[in-house]
Amino acid sequence: MQATAYTFDPSTRSGSVLLDDGTPVPFDTAAFDAGGLRLLRPGQRVRIEFAEGDAGPVADRRVTVVTLQTF
């Protein structure tokens, strides 16, 4: 799923993204590290993946990977 980087704390390597409908979704250090990124700037387009089997509202799902969106 695509999203836009919203917040990022380089000291904890965690933050949040905004889905295209404006819904904020947090991500933790493990999700950031799994994507292999070093830094994330607000406004960057990213791709996120959710934990397999997560159901319910997207905002309540656990993000497992944050990577840069490539075209």
Protein backbone atom coordinates (compact mmCIF):
# COMPACT_ATOMS: atom_id res chain seq x y z
CA MET A 1 0.00 0.00 0.00
CA GLN A 2 1.24 3.50 -0.75
CA ALA A 3 1.39 6.32 1.79
CA THR A 4 3.16 9.59 2.52
CA ALA A 5 5.70 10.01 5.31
CA TYR A 6 4.17 12.24 7.96
CA THR A 7 6.43 12.12 11.01
CA PHE A 8 9.80 10.53 11.67
CA ASP A 9 12.02 10.56 14.76
CA PRO A 10 15.59 9.64 13.76
CA SER A 11 16.57 8.87 17.36
CA THR A 12 13.91 6.14 17.71
CA ARG A 13 13.58 5.37 13.97
CA SER A 14 9.79 5.38 14.30
CA GLY A 15 7.03 7.66 13.11
CA SER A 16 3.84 7.70 11.11
CA VAL A 17 2.57 7.83 7.56
CA LEU A 18 -0.60 9.23 6.04
CA LEU A 19 -2.68 7.03 3.80
CA ASP A 20 -4.11 8.65 0.68
CA ASP A 21 -7.41 9.21 2.51
CA GLY A 22 -5.58 11.15 5.26
CA THR A 23 -5.63 8.37 7.86
CA PRO A 24 -2.49 8.43 10.03
CA VAL A 25 -0.82 5.06 10.61
CA PRO A 26 2.10 4.68 13.04
CA PHE A 27 5.15 2.51 12.40
CA ASP A 28 7.73 1.29 14.88
CA THR A 29 11.50 0.86 14.79
CA ALA A 30 11.25 -2.74 13.57
CA ALA A 31 9.14 -1.72 10.55
CA PHE A 32 11.56 1.07 9.65
CA ASP A 33 14.63 -1.16 10.03
CA ALA A 34 13.00 -3.92 7.93
CA GLY A 35 12.84 -1.53 4.97
CA GLY A 36 16.57 -0.83 5.03
CA LEU A 37 16.17 2.94 5.04
CA ARG A 38 18.51 5.37 6.82
CA LEU A 39 16.27 8.43 6.93
CA LEU A 40 12.74 9.45 6.09
CA ARG A 41 11.59 12.98 5.32
CA PRO A 42 8.00 14.21 5.68
CA GLY A 43 6.31 14.24 2.30
CA GLN A 44 8.22 11.31 0.82
CA ARG A 45 6.10 8.67 -0.86
CA VAL A 46 6.56 5.28 0.74
CA ARG A 47 5.25 1.77 0.45
CA ILE A 48 4.06 0.04 3.61
CA GLU A 49 3.22 -3.56 4.33
CA PHE A 50 1.01 -4.82 7.11
CA ALA A 51 1.37 -7.92 9.29
CA GLU A 52 -0.07 -10.94 7.52
CA GLY A 53 -3.48 -11.86 8.81
CA ASP A 54 -4.19 -8.43 10.32
CA ALA A 55 -7.86 -7.59 9.91
CA GLY A 56 -9.97 -4.62 10.83
CA PRO A 57 -9.51 -0.94 10.09
CA VAL A 58 -6.26 -0.11 8.29
CA ALA A 59 -5.33 2.42 11.00
CA ASP A 60 -5.36 -0.40 13.59
CA ARG A 61 -3.13 -2.78 11.63
CA ARG A 62 0.56 -3.22 12.43
CA VAL A 63 3.00 -1.91 9.81
CA THR A 64 5.83 -4.40 9.29
CA VAL A 65 7.86 -2.72 6.51
CA VAL A 66 8.38 0.87 5.35
CA THR A 67 10.25 1.32 2.06
CA LEU A 68 10.57 4.07 -0.52
CA GLN A 69 7.99 4.02 -3.27
CA THR A 70 9.60 3.22 -6.61
CA PHE A 71 7.90 3.63 -9.95
